[in-house]
């Protein structure tokens, strides 16, 4: 009997942490958001017309941010507005040129300060799309990492992803200093 109890105790010590790593979801739903995860690539082009975009103030799952975000399995949530979204329509896309400092997980940048209206890293300046301002609440403009991805649907915009929070916003390159 003592041997059985010992075996049961060891089994539980191994099983409980393994279950907890999956968030108790049984492996579905995309898992965690943020916590340092950096997606290997940006979102695929929407390809579904104009779409609806991310509902300002909505959640896709309990415990996930009410902002566009990326699940730990690399699924981009909230990038489904397509080319016809007037919030990201520009009369002159790329008016300040194109950013050439690198995209994706091999290029994590730390902003040198600023705010959602204007922030920088290195000698490159950016501005968050006004429609996305609310999604930057909690971003630390002098210490968070930012990873840029090209936006496949909205000419003139990039996607700035915050690995700490797991959220992203549309940003415009304002050029070098």
N, C-alpha and C. Protein backbone atom coordinates (compact mmCIF):
# COMPACT_ATOMS: atom_id res chain seq x y z
N UNK A 1 0.83 -1.20 0.00
CA UNK A 1 0.00 0.00 0.00
C UNK A 1 0.87 1.26 0.00
N UNK A 2 1.92 1.24 0.79
CA UNK A 2 2.81 2.39 0.86
C UNK A 2 3.46 2.64 -0.50
N UNK A 3 3.81 1.57 -1.17
CA UNK A 3 4.41 1.67 -2.50
C UNK A 3 3.41 2.30 -3.49
N UNK A 4 2.15 1.92 -3.41
CA UNK A 4 1.11 2.46 -4.27
C UNK A 4 0.93 3.96 -4.04
N UNK A 5 0.92 4.38 -2.79
CA UNK A 5 0.75 5.79 -2.46
C UNK A 5 1.95 6.60 -2.97
N UNK A 6 3.14 6.05 -2.83
CA UNK A 6 4.33 6.72 -3.34
C UNK A 6 4.28 6.87 -4.85
N UNK A 7 3.86 5.82 -5.56
CA UNK A 7 3.75 5.86 -7.00
C UNK A 7 2.68 6.87 -7.44
N UNK A 8 1.58 6.89 -6.71
CA UNK A 8 0.50 7.84 -7.00
C UNK A 8 1.00 9.28 -6.80
N UNK A 9 1.74 9.54 -5.73
CA UNK A 9 2.25 10.87 -5.45
C UNK A 9 3.21 11.33 -6.56
N UNK A 10 4.11 10.45 -6.98
CA UNK A 10 5.04 10.79 -8.05
C UNK A 10 4.29 11.05 -9.35
N UNK A 11 3.28 10.26 -9.66
CA UNK A 11 2.49 10.44 -10.88
C UNK A 11 1.79 11.79 -10.87
N UNK A 12 1.24 12.17 -9.74
CA UNK A 12 0.55 13.46 -9.64
C UNK A 12 1.54 14.63 -9.78
N UNK A 13 2.73 14.47 -9.21
CA UNK A 13 3.73 15.55 -9.32
C UNK A 13 4.14 15.78 -10.76
N UNK A 14 4.14 14.74 -11.56
CA UNK A 14 4.50 14.86 -12.97
C UNK A 14 3.32 15.35 -13.80
N UNK A 15 2.12 14.85 -13.52
CA UNK A 15 0.94 15.15 -14.33
C UNK A 15 0.42 16.56 -14.13
N UNK A 16 0.39 17.07 -12.93
CA UNK A 16 -0.19 18.38 -12.66
C UNK A 16 0.58 19.49 -13.38
N UNK A 17 1.93 19.55 -13.27
CA UNK A 17 2.62 20.61 -14.03
C UNK A 17 2.44 20.49 -15.54
N UNK A 18 2.38 19.29 -16.07
CA UNK A 18 2.18 19.12 -17.51
C UNK A 18 0.83 19.65 -17.92
N UNK A 19 -0.20 19.42 -17.13
CA UNK A 19 -1.54 19.94 -17.42
C UNK A 19 -1.54 21.47 -17.31
N UNK A 20 -0.84 21.99 -16.31
CA UNK A 20 -0.82 23.44 -16.10
C UNK A 20 -0.13 24.15 -17.26
N UNK A 21 0.89 23.54 -17.87
CA UNK A 21 1.56 24.17 -19.00
C UNK A 21 0.63 24.36 -20.17
N UNK A 22 -0.36 23.53 -20.32
CA UNK A 22 -1.34 23.68 -21.40
C UNK A 22 -2.47 24.60 -20.99
N UNK A 23 -2.37 25.17 -19.81
CA UNK A 23 -3.38 26.12 -19.35
C UNK A 23 -4.71 25.46 -19.04
N UNK A 24 -4.72 24.14 -18.85
CA UNK A 24 -5.96 23.45 -18.53
C UNK A 24 -6.93 23.43 -19.68
N UNK A 25 -6.49 23.72 -20.90
CA UNK A 25 -7.38 23.82 -22.04
C UNK A 25 -7.37 22.56 -22.89
N UNK A 26 -6.53 21.62 -22.53
CA UNK A 26 -6.47 20.42 -23.34
C UNK A 26 -5.79 20.66 -24.68
N UNK A 27 -4.99 21.76 -24.79
CA UNK A 27 -4.22 22.02 -25.99
C UNK A 27 -4.93 22.85 -27.04
N UNK A 28 -6.16 23.25 -26.87
CA UNK A 28 -6.87 24.02 -27.89
C UNK A 28 -6.92 25.49 -27.58
N UNK A 29 -7.37 26.27 -28.53
CA UNK A 29 -7.68 27.68 -28.30
C UNK A 29 -6.52 28.64 -28.42
N UNK A 30 -5.33 28.18 -28.77
CA UNK A 30 -4.23 29.10 -28.97
C UNK A 30 -3.40 29.37 -27.74
N UNK A 31 -3.88 29.05 -26.54
CA UNK A 31 -3.07 29.16 -25.34
C UNK A 31 -2.85 30.57 -24.86
N UNK A 32 -1.65 30.80 -24.36
CA UNK A 32 -1.29 32.06 -23.71
C UNK A 32 -1.14 33.21 -24.71
N UNK A 33 -1.08 34.41 -24.14
CA UNK A 33 -0.82 35.61 -24.90
C UNK A 33 0.26 36.38 -24.17
N UNK A 34 1.26 36.87 -24.90
CA UNK A 34 2.33 37.66 -24.29
C UNK A 34 3.37 36.80 -23.60
N UNK A 35 3.93 37.32 -22.52
CA UNK A 35 4.92 36.59 -21.77
C UNK A 35 6.24 36.41 -22.48
N UNK A 36 6.51 37.22 -23.52
CA UNK A 36 7.77 37.15 -24.24
C UNK A 36 7.71 36.39 -25.55
N UNK A 37 6.58 35.74 -25.84
CA UNK A 37 6.46 35.00 -27.11
C UNK A 37 6.56 35.95 -28.29
N UNK A 38 7.37 35.57 -29.30
CA UNK A 38 7.50 36.34 -30.53
C UNK A 38 7.12 35.44 -31.70
N UNK A 39 6.09 35.81 -32.47
CA UNK A 39 5.67 34.99 -33.61
C UNK A 39 6.75 34.92 -34.69
N UNK A 40 6.81 33.79 -35.36
CA UNK A 40 7.82 33.58 -36.40
C UNK A 40 7.54 34.38 -37.66
N UNK A 41 6.29 34.81 -37.84
CA UNK A 41 5.91 35.58 -39.03
C UNK A 41 4.69 36.43 -38.72
N UNK A 42 4.43 37.38 -39.59
CA UNK A 42 3.26 38.24 -39.44
C UNK A 42 2.00 37.53 -39.90
N UNK A 43 0.88 38.23 -39.87
CA UNK A 43 -0.38 37.62 -40.29
C UNK A 43 -0.43 37.42 -41.81
N UNK A 44 -1.22 36.46 -42.23
CA UNK A 44 -1.47 36.26 -43.66
C UNK A 44 -2.39 37.38 -44.14
N UNK A 45 -2.35 37.65 -45.42
CA UNK A 45 -3.28 38.63 -45.99
C UNK A 45 -4.71 38.17 -45.72
N UNK A 46 -5.59 39.12 -45.44
CA UNK A 46 -6.96 38.78 -45.07
C UNK A 46 -7.69 38.10 -46.22
N UNK A 47 -7.73 38.72 -47.36
CA UNK A 47 -8.33 38.11 -48.54
C UNK A 47 -9.83 37.90 -48.48
N UNK A 48 -10.50 38.50 -47.52
CA UNK A 48 -11.95 38.29 -47.41
C UNK A 48 -12.76 39.55 -47.58
N UNK A 49 -12.30 40.46 -48.40
CA UNK A 49 -13.07 41.70 -48.60
C UNK A 49 -12.71 42.73 -47.56
N UNK A 50 -13.70 43.42 -47.04
CA UNK A 50 -13.44 44.49 -46.09
C UNK A 50 -13.42 44.01 -44.65
N UNK A 51 -14.07 42.96 -44.29
CA UNK A 51 -14.04 42.43 -42.93
C UNK A 51 -14.57 43.39 -41.90
N UNK A 52 -14.31 43.09 -40.64
CA UNK A 52 -14.84 43.92 -39.56
C UNK A 52 -13.75 44.50 -38.68
N UNK A 53 -12.51 44.04 -38.78
CA UNK A 53 -11.46 44.52 -37.89
C UNK A 53 -11.67 44.01 -36.48
N UNK A 54 -10.87 44.50 -35.55
CA UNK A 54 -10.99 44.06 -34.17
C UNK A 54 -11.94 44.99 -33.46
N UNK A 55 -12.89 44.42 -32.75
CA UNK A 55 -13.85 45.20 -32.01
C UNK A 55 -13.14 45.92 -30.87
N UNK A 56 -13.13 47.23 -30.89
CA UNK A 56 -12.52 47.98 -29.79
C UNK A 56 -13.32 47.69 -28.52
N UNK A 57 -12.67 46.98 -27.61
CA UNK A 57 -13.33 46.64 -26.36
C UNK A 57 -13.77 45.20 -26.28
N UNK A 58 -13.52 44.39 -27.29
CA UNK A 58 -13.94 42.99 -27.28
C UNK A 58 -12.82 42.05 -26.90
N UNK A 59 -13.19 40.84 -26.53
CA UNK A 59 -12.23 39.78 -26.20
C UNK A 59 -12.54 38.58 -27.08
N UNK A 60 -11.50 37.85 -27.50
CA UNK A 60 -11.75 36.62 -28.24
C UNK A 60 -11.89 35.45 -27.29
N UNK A 61 -11.24 35.51 -26.12
CA UNK A 61 -11.32 34.47 -25.09
C UNK A 61 -11.20 35.13 -23.73
N UNK A 62 -11.76 34.51 -22.72
CA UNK A 62 -11.62 35.00 -21.36
C UNK A 62 -10.14 35.01 -21.00
N UNK A 63 -9.69 36.10 -20.40
CA UNK A 63 -8.30 36.23 -20.01
C UNK A 63 -7.37 36.78 -21.08
N UNK A 64 -7.87 36.97 -22.28
CA UNK A 64 -7.06 37.55 -23.35
C UNK A 64 -7.33 39.05 -23.42
N UNK A 65 -6.37 39.83 -23.93
CA UNK A 65 -6.56 41.28 -23.98
C UNK A 65 -7.67 41.70 -24.94
N UNK A 66 -8.28 42.83 -24.62
CA UNK A 66 -9.30 43.42 -25.49
C UNK A 66 -8.58 44.29 -26.52
N UNK A 67 -7.69 43.66 -27.27
CA UNK A 67 -6.87 44.33 -28.27
C UNK A 67 -6.41 43.28 -29.27
N UNK A 68 -6.01 43.71 -30.46
CA UNK A 68 -5.43 42.74 -31.39
C UNK A 68 -4.21 42.09 -30.72
N UNK A 69 -4.11 40.78 -30.83
CA UNK A 69 -3.03 40.06 -30.15
C UNK A 69 -2.67 38.79 -30.89
N UNK A 70 -1.62 38.12 -30.42
CA UNK A 70 -1.15 36.90 -31.05
C UNK A 70 -1.13 35.80 -30.00
N UNK A 71 -1.76 34.68 -30.32
CA UNK A 71 -1.74 33.52 -29.43
C UNK A 71 -0.38 32.86 -29.47
N UNK A 72 -0.07 32.09 -28.44
CA UNK A 72 1.24 31.43 -28.35
C UNK A 72 1.45 30.37 -29.43
N UNK A 73 0.40 30.04 -30.19
CA UNK A 73 0.58 29.12 -31.32
C UNK A 73 0.81 29.88 -32.63
N UNK A 74 0.95 31.24 -32.54
CA UNK A 74 1.24 32.06 -33.71
C UNK A 74 0.01 32.57 -34.45
N UNK A 75 -1.19 32.35 -33.92
CA UNK A 75 -2.41 32.83 -34.55
C UNK A 75 -2.61 34.32 -34.25
N UNK A 76 -2.72 35.11 -35.31
CA UNK A 76 -2.95 36.55 -35.18
C UNK A 76 -4.44 36.81 -35.05
N UNK A 77 -4.85 37.43 -33.96
CA UNK A 77 -6.25 37.74 -33.69
C UNK A 77 -6.47 39.23 -33.93
N UNK A 78 -7.49 39.55 -34.72
CA UNK A 78 -7.86 40.94 -34.93
C UNK A 78 -7.34 41.58 -36.20
N UNK A 79 -6.64 40.81 -37.03
CA UNK A 79 -6.15 41.40 -38.28
C UNK A 79 -7.01 40.87 -39.43
N UNK A 80 -8.27 41.27 -39.41
CA UNK A 80 -9.20 40.76 -40.42
C UNK A 80 -10.04 41.88 -41.01
N UNK A 81 -9.39 43.01 -41.28
CA UNK A 81 -10.17 44.13 -41.82
C UNK A 81 -9.98 44.33 -43.31
N UNK A 82 -8.97 43.74 -43.91
CA UNK A 82 -8.80 43.82 -45.36
C UNK A 82 -8.43 45.20 -45.86
N UNK A 83 -8.24 45.28 -47.16
CA UNK A 83 -7.77 46.51 -47.80
C UNK A 83 -8.78 47.64 -47.75
N UNK A 84 -10.04 47.37 -47.62
CA UNK A 84 -11.05 48.42 -47.65
C UNK A 84 -11.29 49.11 -46.32
N UNK A 85 -10.51 48.82 -45.29
CA UNK A 85 -10.73 49.42 -43.97
C UNK A 85 -10.30 50.89 -44.00
N UNK A 86 -11.28 51.77 -43.87
CA UNK A 86 -11.02 53.21 -43.98
C UNK A 86 -10.13 53.74 -42.86
N UNK A 87 -10.05 53.03 -41.71
CA UNK A 87 -9.21 53.47 -40.60
C UNK A 87 -7.72 53.45 -40.95
N UNK A 88 -7.35 52.62 -41.91
CA UNK A 88 -5.94 52.48 -42.29
C UNK A 88 -5.70 52.88 -43.75
N UNK A 89 -6.63 53.62 -44.31
CA UNK A 89 -6.49 54.10 -45.68
C UNK A 89 -5.66 55.38 -45.68
N UNK A 90 -4.65 55.41 -46.55
CA UNK A 90 -3.77 56.58 -46.63
C UNK A 90 -3.79 57.14 -48.05
N UNK A 91 -3.82 58.48 -48.16
CA UNK A 91 -3.73 59.12 -49.47
C UNK A 91 -2.36 58.90 -50.10
N UNK A 92 -1.31 58.90 -49.26
CA UNK A 92 0.05 58.71 -49.75
C UNK A 92 0.77 57.64 -48.92
N UNK A 93 0.52 56.36 -49.21
CA UNK A 93 1.26 55.32 -48.48
C UNK A 93 2.76 55.48 -48.68
N UNK A 94 3.53 55.18 -47.66
CA UNK A 94 5.00 55.25 -47.69
C UNK A 94 5.49 56.67 -47.94
N UNK A 95 4.74 57.68 -47.48
CA UNK A 95 5.10 59.08 -47.72
C UNK A 95 6.49 59.42 -47.18
N UNK A 96 6.94 58.72 -46.15
CA UNK A 96 8.24 58.99 -45.53
C UNK A 96 9.28 57.93 -45.90
N UNK A 97 8.96 57.12 -46.89
CA UNK A 97 9.85 56.03 -47.27
C UNK A 97 9.46 54.74 -46.57
N UNK A 98 10.25 53.72 -46.80
CA UNK A 98 9.99 52.40 -46.19
C UNK A 98 11.07 52.09 -45.16
N UNK A 99 10.65 51.45 -44.10
CA UNK A 99 11.59 51.02 -43.06
C UNK A 99 12.41 49.85 -43.60
N UNK A 100 13.71 49.89 -43.42
CA UNK A 100 14.59 48.83 -43.93
C UNK A 100 15.44 48.20 -42.83
N UNK A 101 15.06 48.41 -41.57
CA UNK A 101 15.86 47.93 -40.45
C UNK A 101 15.63 46.50 -40.05
N UNK A 102 14.74 45.78 -40.73
CA UNK A 102 14.51 44.37 -40.43
C UNK A 102 13.16 44.10 -39.81
N UNK A 103 12.64 42.91 -40.13
CA UNK A 103 11.32 42.51 -39.67
C UNK A 103 11.38 41.12 -39.03
N UNK A 104 10.43 40.86 -38.17
CA UNK A 104 10.28 39.53 -37.60
C UNK A 104 11.13 39.27 -36.37
N UNK A 105 11.13 38.02 -35.91
CA UNK A 105 11.70 37.67 -34.61
C UNK A 105 13.20 37.91 -34.46
N UNK A 106 13.92 38.03 -35.55
CA UNK A 106 15.36 38.29 -35.45
C UNK A 106 15.68 39.77 -35.29
N UNK A 107 14.64 40.59 -35.21
CA UNK A 107 14.82 42.04 -35.14
C UNK A 107 13.92 42.63 -34.06
N UNK A 108 14.30 42.46 -32.81
CA UNK A 108 13.55 43.04 -31.69
C UNK A 108 14.21 44.37 -31.32
N UNK A 109 13.42 45.42 -31.28
CA UNK A 109 13.92 46.76 -31.01
C UNK A 109 13.42 47.26 -29.66
N UNK A 110 14.21 48.11 -29.00
CA UNK A 110 13.78 48.77 -27.78
C UNK A 110 13.61 50.26 -28.08
N UNK A 111 12.40 50.78 -27.92
CA UNK A 111 12.20 52.21 -28.15
C UNK A 111 13.07 53.04 -27.20
N UNK A 112 13.50 54.18 -27.69
CA UNK A 112 14.32 55.08 -26.89
C UNK A 112 13.49 56.09 -26.14
N UNK A 113 12.17 55.96 -26.20
CA UNK A 113 11.28 56.89 -25.52
C UNK A 113 10.17 57.33 -26.46
N UNK A 114 9.43 58.30 -26.00
CA UNK A 114 8.34 58.83 -26.80
C UNK A 114 6.99 58.39 -26.29
N UNK A 115 6.05 58.30 -27.20
CA UNK A 115 4.67 57.94 -26.87
C UNK A 115 4.04 57.33 -28.12
N UNK A 116 2.77 57.05 -28.04
CA UNK A 116 2.09 56.46 -29.20
C UNK A 116 2.08 57.42 -30.39
N UNK A 117 2.14 58.72 -30.13
CA UNK A 117 2.15 59.70 -31.21
C UNK A 117 3.48 59.71 -31.97
N UNK A 118 4.57 59.42 -31.25
CA UNK A 118 5.89 59.40 -31.88
C UNK A 118 6.86 58.69 -30.95
N UNK A 119 7.43 57.60 -31.44
CA UNK A 119 8.46 56.88 -30.69
C UNK A 119 9.57 56.52 -31.66
N UNK A 120 10.70 56.09 -31.13
CA UNK A 120 11.84 55.82 -31.99
C UNK A 120 12.69 54.71 -31.42
N UNK A 121 13.44 54.10 -32.30
CA UNK A 121 14.56 53.24 -31.93
C UNK A 121 15.62 53.44 -33.00
N UNK A 122 16.89 53.43 -32.55
CA UNK A 122 17.96 53.77 -33.46
C UNK A 122 17.71 55.17 -34.00
N UNK A 123 17.74 55.31 -35.30
CA UNK A 123 17.45 56.62 -35.91
C UNK A 123 16.15 56.58 -36.70
N UNK A 124 15.25 55.66 -36.34
CA UNK A 124 13.97 55.52 -37.05
C UNK A 124 12.81 55.94 -36.15
N UNK A 125 11.92 56.75 -36.71
CA UNK A 125 10.77 57.25 -35.97
C UNK A 125 9.48 56.62 -36.51
N UNK A 126 8.51 56.40 -35.60
CA UNK A 126 7.24 55.78 -35.94
C UNK A 126 6.11 56.48 -35.19
N UNK A 127 4.89 56.27 -35.68
CA UNK A 127 3.69 56.77 -35.02
C UNK A 127 2.62 55.69 -35.10
N UNK A 128 1.89 55.50 -34.00
CA UNK A 128 0.79 54.53 -33.96
C UNK A 128 -0.42 55.12 -34.68
N UNK A 129 -1.15 54.29 -35.41
CA UNK A 129 -2.38 54.73 -36.07
C UNK A 129 -3.36 55.23 -35.00
N UNK A 130 -3.94 56.41 -35.19
CA UNK A 130 -4.87 56.94 -34.18
C UNK A 130 -5.98 55.96 -33.80
N UNK A 131 -6.46 55.18 -34.75
CA UNK A 131 -7.51 54.21 -34.47
C UNK A 131 -7.06 53.14 -33.48
N UNK A 132 -5.75 52.93 -33.36
CA UNK A 132 -5.19 51.91 -32.48
C UNK A 132 -4.67 52.47 -31.15
N UNK A 133 -4.80 53.77 -30.91
CA UNK A 133 -4.25 54.37 -29.70
C UNK A 133 -4.62 53.59 -28.43
N UNK A 134 -5.87 53.23 -28.28
CA UNK A 134 -6.32 52.57 -27.05
C UNK A 134 -5.62 51.23 -26.83
N UNK A 135 -5.14 50.61 -27.90
CA UNK A 135 -4.48 49.31 -27.77
C UNK A 135 -3.07 49.42 -27.24
N UNK A 136 -2.53 50.64 -27.09
CA UNK A 136 -1.18 50.80 -26.56
C UNK A 136 -1.18 51.08 -25.06
N UNK A 137 -2.34 51.10 -24.44
CA UNK A 137 -2.36 51.28 -22.98
C UNK A 137 -1.53 50.17 -22.35
N UNK A 138 -0.59 50.54 -21.53
CA UNK A 138 0.27 49.56 -20.88
C UNK A 138 1.60 49.35 -21.58
N UNK A 139 1.77 49.91 -22.79
CA UNK A 139 3.07 49.80 -23.48
C UNK A 139 4.07 50.72 -22.78
N UNK A 140 5.30 50.26 -22.62
CA UNK A 140 6.36 51.05 -22.00
C UNK A 140 7.30 51.52 -23.11
N UNK A 141 7.23 52.80 -23.45
CA UNK A 141 7.91 53.33 -24.63
C UNK A 141 9.41 53.49 -24.46
N UNK A 142 9.92 53.19 -23.27
CA UNK A 142 11.36 53.28 -23.08
C UNK A 142 11.99 51.95 -22.66
N UNK A 143 11.20 50.88 -22.60
CA UNK A 143 11.79 49.61 -22.16
C UNK A 143 11.20 48.36 -22.80
N UNK A 144 9.99 48.41 -23.32
CA UNK A 144 9.42 47.22 -23.97
C UNK A 144 10.16 46.92 -25.27
N UNK A 145 10.17 45.65 -25.63
CA UNK A 145 10.64 45.28 -26.96
C UNK A 145 9.51 45.52 -27.94
N UNK A 146 9.87 45.81 -29.18
CA UNK A 146 8.90 45.91 -30.27
C UNK A 146 9.47 45.13 -31.45
N UNK A 147 8.64 44.29 -32.03
CA UNK A 147 9.03 43.54 -33.22
C UNK A 147 8.11 44.01 -34.34
N UNK A 148 8.69 44.40 -35.46
CA UNK A 148 7.90 44.89 -36.59
C UNK A 148 7.66 43.77 -37.60
N UNK A 149 6.46 43.82 -38.18
CA UNK A 149 6.07 42.91 -39.26
C UNK A 149 5.47 43.77 -40.37
N UNK A 150 5.62 43.35 -41.60
CA UNK A 150 4.98 44.06 -42.69
C UNK A 150 3.49 43.75 -42.66
N UNK A 151 2.67 44.75 -42.92
CA UNK A 151 1.22 44.56 -42.94
C UNK A 151 0.82 44.15 -44.36
N UNK A 152 0.30 42.95 -44.53
CA UNK A 152 -0.02 42.48 -45.88
C UNK A 152 -1.28 43.10 -46.48
N UNK A 153 -2.04 43.83 -45.68
CA UNK A 153 -3.31 44.36 -46.15
C UNK A 153 -3.41 45.87 -46.24
N UNK A 154 -2.60 46.59 -45.50
CA UNK A 154 -2.76 48.04 -45.40
C UNK A 154 -1.47 48.74 -45.83
N UNK A 155 -1.44 49.21 -47.07
CA UNK A 155 -0.26 49.88 -47.61
C UNK A 155 0.09 51.10 -46.78
N UNK A 156 1.37 51.23 -46.46
CA UNK A 156 1.86 52.37 -45.69
C UNK A 156 1.96 52.09 -44.20
N UNK A 157 1.50 50.92 -43.76
CA UNK A 157 1.51 50.57 -42.34
C UNK A 157 2.35 49.34 -42.09
N UNK A 158 2.91 49.29 -40.88
CA UNK A 158 3.58 48.10 -40.36
C UNK A 158 2.82 47.69 -39.11
N UNK A 159 3.07 46.48 -38.65
CA UNK A 159 2.49 46.01 -37.39
C UNK A 159 3.59 45.96 -36.35
N UNK A 160 3.40 46.69 -35.26
CA UNK A 160 4.35 46.70 -34.15
C UNK A 160 3.80 45.78 -33.07
N UNK A 161 4.55 44.72 -32.77
CA UNK A 161 4.13 43.70 -31.81
C UNK A 161 4.92 43.86 -30.51
N UNK A 162 4.22 43.80 -29.39
CA UNK A 162 4.83 43.91 -28.06
C UNK A 162 4.85 42.52 -27.42
N UNK A 163 6.01 41.85 -27.37
CA UNK A 163 6.06 40.48 -26.83
C UNK A 163 5.65 40.36 -25.36
N UNK A 164 5.91 41.40 -24.57
CA UNK A 164 5.53 41.34 -23.15
C UNK A 164 4.03 41.19 -23.00
N UNK A 165 3.28 41.98 -23.76
CA UNK A 165 1.82 41.97 -23.66
C UNK A 165 1.15 41.04 -24.67
N UNK A 166 1.85 40.76 -25.76
CA UNK A 166 1.28 39.92 -26.82
C UNK A 166 0.33 40.67 -27.73
N UNK A 167 0.33 42.00 -27.65
CA UNK A 167 -0.58 42.81 -28.46
C UNK A 167 0.19 43.52 -29.57
N UNK A 168 -0.55 43.98 -30.59
CA UNK A 168 0.09 44.69 -31.69
C UNK A 168 -0.80 45.82 -32.17
N UNK A 169 -0.15 46.78 -32.84
CA UNK A 169 -0.86 47.94 -33.38
C UNK A 169 -0.27 48.26 -34.75
N UNK A 170 -1.01 49.05 -35.52
CA UNK A 170 -0.52 49.55 -36.80
C UNK A 170 0.35 50.77 -36.53
N UNK A 171 1.53 50.80 -37.16
CA UNK A 171 2.42 51.95 -37.04
C UNK A 171 2.88 52.41 -38.42
N UNK A 172 3.13 53.71 -38.50
CA UNK A 172 3.63 54.32 -39.73
C UNK A 172 5.08 54.73 -39.51
N UNK A 173 5.91 54.44 -40.48
CA UNK A 173 7.30 54.89 -40.45
C UNK A 173 7.34 56.36 -40.79
N UNK A 174 7.99 57.16 -39.92
CA UNK A 174 8.08 58.59 -40.12
C UNK A 174 9.43 59.01 -40.69
N UNK A 175 10.31 58.05 -40.88
CA UNK A 175 11.62 58.34 -41.46
C UNK A 175 12.72 58.37 -40.43
N UNK A 176 13.93 58.66 -40.90
CA UNK A 176 15.08 58.73 -39.99
C UNK A 176 15.13 60.08 -39.28
N UNK A 177 15.94 60.11 -38.23
CA UNK A 177 16.08 61.36 -37.46
C UNK A 177 16.89 62.38 -38.22
